[in-house]
PDB file of N, CA and C in Angstrom:
ATOM      1  N   UNK A   1     166.229 198.224  47.211  1.00  0.00           N
ATOM      2  CA  UNK A   1     165.547 198.443  48.467  1.00  0.00           C
ATOM      3  C   UNK A   1     164.332 197.521  48.542  1.00  0.00           C
ATOM      4  N   UNK A   2     163.985 197.156  49.713  1.00  0.00           N
ATOM      5  CA  UNK A   2     162.810 196.312  49.872  1.00  0.00           C
ATOM      6  C   UNK A   2     161.575 197.163  50.137  1.00  0.00           C
ATOM      7  N   UNK A   3     160.412 196.604  49.818  1.00  0.00           N
ATOM      8  CA  UNK A   3     159.143 197.314  49.970  1.00  0.00           C
ATOM      9  C   UNK A   3     158.201 196.459  50.802  1.00  0.00           C
ATOM     10  N   UNK A   4     158.134 196.758  52.097  1.00  0.00           N
ATOM     11  CA  UNK A   4     157.264 196.012  53.003  1.00  0.00           C
ATOM     12  C   UNK A   4     156.141 196.950  53.444  1.00  0.00           C
ATOM     13  N   UNK A   5     154.933 196.623  53.054  1.00  0.00           N
ATOM     14  CA  UNK A   5     153.787 197.448  53.457  1.00  0.00           C
ATOM     15  C   UNK A   5     153.204 196.893  54.755  1.00  0.00           C
ATOM     16  N   UNK A   6     152.159 197.498  55.219  1.00  0.00           N
ATOM     17  CA  UNK A   6     151.500 197.044  56.443  1.00  0.00           C
ATOM     18  C   UNK A   6     150.549 195.879  56.186  1.00  0.00           C
ATOM     19  N   UNK A   7     150.392 195.505  54.933  1.00  0.00           N
ATOM     20  CA  UNK A   7     149.533 194.383  54.561  1.00  0.00           C
ATOM     21  C   UNK A   7     150.094 193.094  55.164  1.00  0.00           C
ATOM     22  N   UNK A   8     149.307 192.377  55.941  1.00  0.00           N
ATOM     23  CA  UNK A   8     149.798 191.146  56.577  1.00  0.00           C
ATOM     24  C   UNK A   8     150.301 190.100  55.566  1.00  0.00           C
ATOM     25  N   UNK A   9     149.714 190.084  54.381  1.00  0.00           N
ATOM     26  CA  UNK A   9     150.160 189.119  53.359  1.00  0.00           C
ATOM     27  C   UNK A   9     151.575 189.434  52.893  1.00  0.00           C
ATOM     28  N   UNK A  10     151.875 190.726  52.748  1.00  0.00           N
ATOM     29  CA  UNK A  10     153.218 191.136  52.325  1.00  0.00           C
ATOM     30  C   UNK A  10     154.227 190.812  53.429  1.00  0.00           C
ATOM     31  N   UNK A  11     153.853 191.082  54.663  1.00  0.00           N
ATOM     32  CA  UNK A  11     154.736 190.767  55.796  1.00  0.00           C
ATOM     33  C   UNK A  11     155.003 189.266  55.860  1.00  0.00           C
ATOM     34  N   UNK A  12     153.973 188.454  55.666  1.00  0.00           N
ATOM     35  CA  UNK A  12     154.124 186.999  55.687  1.00  0.00           C
ATOM     36  C   UNK A  12     155.037 186.534  54.556  1.00  0.00           C
ATOM     37  N   UNK A  13     154.852 187.088  53.364  1.00  0.00           N
ATOM     38  CA  UNK A  13     155.700 186.725  52.227  1.00  0.00           C
ATOM     39  C   UNK A  13     157.151 187.121  52.486  1.00  0.00           C
ATOM     40  N   UNK A  14     157.364 188.290  53.060  1.00  0.00           N
ATOM     41  CA  UNK A  14     158.726 188.745  53.382  1.00  0.00           C
ATOM     42  C   UNK A  14     159.378 187.802  54.387  1.00  0.00           C
ATOM     43  N   UNK A  15     158.603 187.331  55.348  1.00  0.00           N
ATOM     44  CA  UNK A  15     159.127 186.373  56.339  1.00  0.00           C
ATOM     45  C   UNK A  15     159.484 185.050  55.665  1.00  0.00           C
ATOM     46  N   UNK A  16     158.616 184.567  54.788  1.00  0.00           N
ATOM     47  CA  UNK A  16     158.894 183.321  54.081  1.00  0.00           C
ATOM     48  C   UNK A  16     160.152 183.445  53.231  1.00  0.00           C
ATOM     49  N   UNK A  17     160.289 184.571  52.549  1.00  0.00           N
ATOM     50  CA  UNK A  17     161.454 184.799  51.700  1.00  0.00           C
ATOM     51  C   UNK A  17     162.725 184.888  52.546  1.00  0.00           C
ATOM     52  N   UNK A  18     162.675 185.624  53.645  1.00  0.00           N
ATOM     53  CA  UNK A  18     163.877 185.747  54.483  1.00  0.00           C
ATOM     54  C   UNK A  18     164.237 184.399  55.108  1.00  0.00           C
ATOM     55  N   UNK A  19     163.241 183.613  55.505  1.00  0.00           N
ATOM     56  CA  UNK A  19     163.521 182.277  56.021  1.00  0.00           C
ATOM     57  C   UNK A  19     164.105 181.370  54.933  1.00  0.00           C
ATOM     58  N   UNK A  20     163.610 181.521  53.715  1.00  0.00           N
ATOM     59  CA  UNK A  20     164.160 180.767  52.585  1.00  0.00           C
ATOM     60  C   UNK A  20     165.606 181.139  52.326  1.00  0.00           C
ATOM     61  N   UNK A  21     165.915 182.427  52.431  1.00  0.00           N
ATOM     62  CA  UNK A  21     167.294 182.891  52.264  1.00  0.00           C
ATOM     63  C   UNK A  21     168.193 182.266  53.326  1.00  0.00           C
ATOM     64  N   UNK A  22     167.737 182.281  54.576  1.00  0.00           N
ATOM     65  CA  UNK A  22     168.519 181.708  55.675  1.00  0.00           C
ATOM     66  C   UNK A  22     168.729 180.215  55.451  1.00  0.00           C
ATOM     67  N   UNK A  23     167.694 179.522  55.006  1.00  0.00           N
ATOM     68  CA  UNK A  23     167.822 178.095  54.700  1.00  0.00           C
ATOM     69  C   UNK A  23     168.885 177.864  53.633  1.00  0.00           C
ATOM     70  N   UNK A  24     168.855 178.664  52.596  1.00  0.00           N
ATOM     71  CA  UNK A  24     169.843 178.530  51.513  1.00  0.00           C
ATOM     72  C   UNK A  24     171.259 178.824  52.013  1.00  0.00           C
ATOM     73  N   UNK A  25     171.373 179.757  52.948  1.00  0.00           N
ATOM     74  CA  UNK A  25     172.704 180.145  53.441  1.00  0.00           C
ATOM     75  C   UNK A  25     173.375 179.026  54.240  1.00  0.00           C
ATOM     76  N   UNK A  26     172.605 178.029  54.654  1.00  0.00           N
ATOM     77  CA  UNK A  26     173.183 176.898  55.371  1.00  0.00           C
ATOM     78  C   UNK A  26     173.934 175.954  54.430  1.00  0.00           C
ATOM     79  N   UNK A  27     173.585 175.994  53.153  1.00  0.00           N
ATOM     80  CA  UNK A  27     174.209 175.065  52.211  1.00  0.00           C
ATOM     81  C   UNK A  27     174.982 175.739  51.079  1.00  0.00           C
ATOM     82  N   UNK A  28     174.853 177.069  50.960  1.00  0.00           N
ATOM     83  CA  UNK A  28     175.539 177.783  49.876  1.00  0.00           C
ATOM     84  C   UNK A  28     176.188 179.045  50.404  1.00  0.00           C
ATOM     85  N   UNK A  29     177.236 179.472  49.721  1.00  0.00           N
ATOM     86  CA  UNK A  29     177.843 180.761  50.026  1.00  0.00           C
ATOM     87  C   UNK A  29     176.915 181.862  49.532  1.00  0.00           C
ATOM     88  N   UNK A  30     177.023 183.033  50.147  1.00  0.00           N
ATOM     89  CA  UNK A  30     176.132 184.151  49.804  1.00  0.00           C
ATOM     90  C   UNK A  30     176.114 184.424  48.305  1.00  0.00           C
ATOM     91  N   UNK A  31     177.290 184.502  47.682  1.00  0.00           N
ATOM     92  CA  UNK A  31     177.363 184.835  46.256  1.00  0.00           C
ATOM     93  C   UNK A  31     176.765 183.766  45.355  1.00  0.00           C
ATOM     94  N   UNK A  32     176.563 182.571  45.890  1.00  0.00           N
ATOM     95  CA  UNK A  32     176.006 181.478  45.090  1.00  0.00           C
ATOM     96  C   UNK A  32     174.488 181.335  45.241  1.00  0.00           C
ATOM     97  N   UNK A  33     173.897 182.067  46.166  1.00  0.00           N
ATOM     98  CA  UNK A  33     172.447 181.985  46.376  1.00  0.00           C
ATOM     99  C   UNK A  33     171.731 182.784  45.288  1.00  0.00           C
ATOM    100  N   UNK A  34     170.818 182.120  44.604  1.00  0.00           N
ATOM    101  CA  UNK A  34     170.067 182.785  43.545  1.00  0.00           C
ATOM    102  C   UNK A  34     168.630 183.042  44.004  1.00  0.00           C
ATOM    103  N   UNK A  35     167.972 183.876  43.262  1.00  0.00           N
ATOM    104  CA  UNK A  35     166.564 184.145  43.548  1.00  0.00           C
ATOM    105  C   UNK A  35     165.747 182.863  43.367  1.00  0.00           C
ATOM    106  N   UNK A  36     166.111 182.055  42.397  1.00  0.00           N
ATOM    107  CA  UNK A  36     165.423 180.766  42.206  1.00  0.00           C
ATOM    108  C   UNK A  36     165.594 179.869  43.424  1.00  0.00           C
ATOM    109  N   UNK A  37     166.795 179.870  44.015  1.00  0.00           N
ATOM    110  CA  UNK A  37     167.028 179.084  45.237  1.00  0.00           C
ATOM    111  C   UNK A  37     166.101 179.553  46.355  1.00  0.00           C
ATOM    112  N   UNK A  38     166.049 180.853  46.543  1.00  0.00           N
ATOM    113  CA  UNK A  38     165.209 181.427  47.601  1.00  0.00           C
ATOM    114  C   UNK A  38     163.747 181.127  47.331  1.00  0.00           C
ATOM    115  N   UNK A  39     163.353 181.262  46.082  1.00  0.00           N
ATOM    116  CA  UNK A  39     161.968 180.989  45.696  1.00  0.00           C
ATOM    117  C   UNK A  39     161.588 179.548  46.012  1.00  0.00           C
ATOM    118  N   UNK A  40     162.445 178.615  45.675  1.00  0.00           N
ATOM    119  CA  UNK A  40     162.153 177.203  45.937  1.00  0.00           C
ATOM    120  C   UNK A  40     162.117 176.918  47.433  1.00  0.00           C
ATOM    121  N   UNK A  41     163.049 177.498  48.181  1.00  0.00           N
ATOM    122  CA  UNK A  41     163.114 177.240  49.626  1.00  0.00           C
ATOM    123  C   UNK A  41     161.943 177.878  50.373  1.00  0.00           C
ATOM    124  N   UNK A  42     161.454 179.004  49.850  1.00  0.00           N
ATOM    125  CA  UNK A  42     160.393 179.736  50.550  1.00  0.00           C
ATOM    126  C   UNK A  42     158.991 179.354  50.094  1.00  0.00           C
ATOM    127  N   UNK A  43     158.874 178.835  48.877  1.00  0.00           N
ATOM    128  CA  UNK A  43     157.560 178.517  48.334  1.00  0.00           C
ATOM    129  C   UNK A  43     156.808 179.735  47.826  1.00  0.00           C
ATOM    130  N   UNK A  44     157.509 180.857  47.712  1.00  0.00           N
ATOM    131  CA  UNK A  44     156.908 182.107  47.246  1.00  0.00           C
ATOM    132  C   UNK A  44     157.205 182.263  45.756  1.00  0.00           C
ATOM    133  N   UNK A  45     156.254 182.777  45.003  1.00  0.00           N
ATOM    134  CA  UNK A  45     156.454 182.922  43.559  1.00  0.00           C
ATOM    135  C   UNK A  45     157.500 183.989  43.249  1.00  0.00           C
ATOM    136  N   UNK A  46     158.054 183.868  42.056  1.00  0.00           N
ATOM    137  CA  UNK A  46     159.072 184.821  41.602  1.00  0.00           C
ATOM    138  C   UNK A  46     158.490 186.241  41.547  1.00  0.00           C
ATOM    139  N   UNK A  47     157.255 186.374  41.096  1.00  0.00           N
ATOM    140  CA  UNK A  47     156.640 187.709  41.005  1.00  0.00           C
ATOM    141  C   UNK A  47     156.444 188.314  42.394  1.00  0.00           C
ATOM    142  N   UNK A  48     156.105 187.489  43.373  1.00  0.00           N
ATOM    143  CA  UNK A  48     155.969 187.989  44.745  1.00  0.00           C
ATOM    144  C   UNK A  48     157.322 188.439  45.270  1.00  0.00           C
ATOM    145  N   UNK A  49     158.368 187.662  44.979  1.00  0.00           N
ATOM    146  CA  UNK A  49     159.712 188.060  45.399  1.00  0.00           C
ATOM    147  C   UNK A  49     160.026 189.461  44.878  1.00  0.00           C
ATOM    148  N   UNK A  50     159.837 189.668  43.573  1.00  0.00           N
ATOM    149  CA  UNK A  50     160.185 190.954  42.959  1.00  0.00           C
ATOM    150  C   UNK A  50     159.237 192.086  43.361  1.00  0.00           C
ATOM    151  N   UNK A  51     158.061 191.752  43.830  1.00  0.00           N
ATOM    152  CA  UNK A  51     157.150 192.781  44.321  1.00  0.00           C
ATOM    153  C   UNK A  51     157.689 193.373  45.636  1.00  0.00           C
ATOM    154  N   UNK A  52     158.435 192.564  46.396  1.00  0.00           N
ATOM    155  CA  UNK A  52     158.922 192.986  47.709  1.00  0.00           C
ATOM    156  C   UNK A  52     160.405 193.356  47.682  1.00  0.00           C
ATOM    157  N   UNK A  53     161.204 192.584  46.975  1.00  0.00           N
ATOM    158  CA  UNK A  53     162.658 192.770  46.951  1.00  0.00           C
ATOM    159  C   UNK A  53     163.146 192.942  45.516  1.00  0.00           C
ATOM    160  N   UNK A  54     164.271 193.642  45.374  1.00  0.00           N
ATOM    161  CA  UNK A  54     164.877 193.791  44.046  1.00  0.00           C
ATOM    162  C   UNK A  54     165.900 192.697  43.769  1.00  0.00           C
ATOM    163  N   UNK A  55     166.575 192.231  44.828  1.00  0.00           N
ATOM    164  CA  UNK A  55     167.644 191.240  44.657  1.00  0.00           C
ATOM    165  C   UNK A  55     167.939 190.559  45.990  1.00  0.00           C
ATOM    166  N   UNK A  56     168.901 189.643  45.990  1.00  0.00           N
ATOM    167  CA  UNK A  56     169.239 188.917  47.210  1.00  0.00           C
ATOM    168  C   UNK A  56     169.848 189.830  48.271  1.00  0.00           C
ATOM    169  N   UNK A  57     170.543 190.856  47.849  1.00  0.00           N
ATOM    170  CA  UNK A  57     171.121 191.815  48.797  1.00  0.00           C
ATOM    171  C   UNK A  57     170.026 192.494  49.619  1.00  0.00           C
ATOM    172  N   UNK A  58     168.898 192.786  48.998  1.00  0.00           N
ATOM    173  CA  UNK A  58     167.774 193.403  49.714  1.00  0.00           C
ATOM    174  C   UNK A  58     167.223 192.476  50.793  1.00  0.00           C
ATOM    175  N   UNK A  59     167.225 191.184  50.503  1.00  0.00           N
ATOM    176  CA  UNK A  59     166.738 190.223  51.502  1.00  0.00           C
ATOM    177  C   UNK A  59     167.664 190.240  52.715  1.00  0.00           C
ATOM    178  N   UNK A  60     168.968 190.231  52.466  1.00  0.00           N
ATOM    179  CA  UNK A  60     169.931 190.278  53.561  1.00  0.00           C
ATOM    180  C   UNK A  60     169.796 191.579  54.355  1.00  0.00           C
ATOM    181  N   UNK A  61     169.603 192.680  53.673  1.00  0.00           N
ATOM    182  CA  UNK A  61     169.404 193.967  54.342  1.00  0.00           C
ATOM    183  C   UNK A  61     168.148 193.935  55.216  1.00  0.00           C
ATOM    184  N   UNK A  62     167.079 193.358  54.713  1.00  0.00           N
ATOM    185  CA  UNK A  62     165.832 193.228  55.477  1.00  0.00           C
ATOM    186  C   UNK A  62     166.068 192.410  56.749  1.00  0.00           C
ATOM    187  N   UNK A  63     166.777 191.297  56.610  1.00  0.00           N
ATOM    188  CA  UNK A  63     167.068 190.452  57.773  1.00  0.00           C
ATOM    189  C   UNK A  63     167.891 191.225  58.800  1.00  0.00           C
ATOM    190  N   UNK A  64     168.911 191.931  58.352  1.00  0.00           N
ATOM    191  CA  UNK A  64     169.755 192.728  59.257  1.00  0.00           C
ATOM    192  C   UNK A  64     168.953 193.839  59.936  1.00  0.00           C
ATOM    193  N   UNK A  65     168.117 194.515  59.180  1.00  0.00           N
ATOM    194  CA  UNK A  65     167.284 195.575  59.749  1.00  0.00           C
ATOM    195  C   UNK A  65     166.354 195.020  60.827  1.00  0.00           C
ATOM    196  N   UNK A  66     165.774 193.853  60.569  1.00  0.00           N
ATOM    197  CA  UNK A  66     164.890 193.235  61.563  1.00  0.00           C
ATOM    198  C   UNK A  66     165.654 192.905  62.848  1.00  0.00           C
ATOM    199  N   UNK A  67     166.876 192.403  62.696  1.00  0.00           N
ATOM    200  CA  UNK A  67     167.677 192.063  63.867  1.00  0.00           C
ATOM    201  C   UNK A  67     168.051 193.308  64.684  1.00  0.00           C
ATOM    202  N   UNK A  68     168.311 194.398  63.981  1.00  0.00           N
ATOM    203  CA  UNK A  68     168.674 195.654  64.665  1.00  0.00           C
ATOM    204  C   UNK A  68     167.488 196.247  65.425  1.00  0.00           C
ATOM    205  N   UNK A  69     166.290 195.959  64.992  1.00  0.00           N
ATOM    206  CA  UNK A  69     165.085 196.510  65.628  1.00  0.00           C
ATOM    207  C   UNK A  69     164.681 195.730  66.873  1.00  0.00           C
ATOM    208  N   UNK A  70     165.275 194.564  67.080  1.00  0.00           N
ATOM    209  CA  UNK A  70     164.893 193.742  68.235  1.00  0.00           C
ATOM    210  C   UNK A  70     165.523 194.253  69.505  1.00  0.00           C
TER     211      UNK A  70
END
């Protein structure tokens, strides 16, 4: 599960990570996307990633949840 607090820094990091995931999805299949790939594409540290998300599936769930709320 993902952990997004009301802290603007956490929200910004979650956005960077989800954008990094989307960037990676343009060149790799879902099962081939690693946390390192997302980290490099987003510019967010590995510790920040794990503070917010447990795995790549959580990032996809976060993106889907955001789309459903629009």
